[in-house]
Amino acid sequence: MTSAEPPETVYVVHGEADARQALVDRISTELDWLAVAPQHLERVGSW
């Protein structure tokens, strides 16, 4: 299996707040990727 470039940012948008944050923490720690859990109705990106 080949490895691809990591995504610029991972947005975790589903699940309960505690579960979202746990997933963000795990992605950040285990994969060393930038992961965020936006707040309800928060807009991200440039569109």
Protein backbone atom coordinates (compact mmCIF):
# COMPACT_ATOMS: atom_id res chain seq x y z
CA MET A 1 0.00 0.00 0.00
CA THR A 2 1.31 3.45 -0.82
CA SER A 3 0.82 6.44 1.39
CA ALA A 4 -0.81 9.58 0.11
CA GLU A 5 -0.28 13.12 1.29
CA PRO A 6 -2.33 13.88 4.39
CA PRO A 7 -5.32 16.17 4.02
CA GLU A 8 -4.80 19.85 4.76
CA THR A 9 -7.43 19.70 7.51
CA VAL A 10 -9.84 17.05 8.79
CA TYR A 11 -13.22 18.44 9.88
CA VAL A 12 -15.09 16.19 12.31
CA VAL A 13 -18.72 17.25 12.05
CA HIS A 14 -20.89 14.33 13.23
CA GLY A 15 -21.55 12.87 16.65
CA GLU A 16 -21.88 14.16 20.19
CA ALA A 17 -19.47 16.89 21.27
CA ASP A 18 -17.39 14.60 23.50
CA ALA A 19 -17.12 11.93 20.80
CA ARG A 20 -16.17 14.51 18.15
CA GLN A 21 -13.43 15.89 20.38
CA ALA A 22 -12.15 12.40 21.17
CA LEU A 23 -11.87 11.66 17.44
CA VAL A 24 -10.13 15.00 16.81
CA ASP A 25 -7.64 14.18 19.57
CA ARG A 26 -7.00 10.70 18.20
CA ILE A 27 -6.50 11.91 14.61
CA SER A 28 -4.13 14.61 15.83
CA THR A 29 -2.15 12.28 18.08
CA GLU A 30 -2.00 9.09 16.02
CA LEU A 31 -1.79 10.53 12.52
CA ASP A 32 -0.22 13.92 13.31
CA TRP A 33 -2.85 15.60 11.12
CA LEU A 34 -4.62 18.89 11.74
CA ALA A 35 -8.13 17.99 12.89
CA VAL A 36 -10.87 20.29 14.15
CA ALA A 37 -14.46 19.97 15.32
CA PRO A 38 -16.28 23.12 14.19
CA GLN A 39 -19.00 24.53 16.42
CA HIS A 40 -22.66 24.27 15.43
CA LEU A 41 -23.34 26.53 12.40
CA GLU A 42 -19.67 27.55 12.18
CA ARG A 43 -18.49 28.01 8.59
CA VAL A 44 -15.12 26.71 7.51
CA GLY A 45 -13.33 26.98 4.21
CA SER A 46 -13.46 29.73 1.64
CA TRP A 47 -16.76 29.41 -0.12
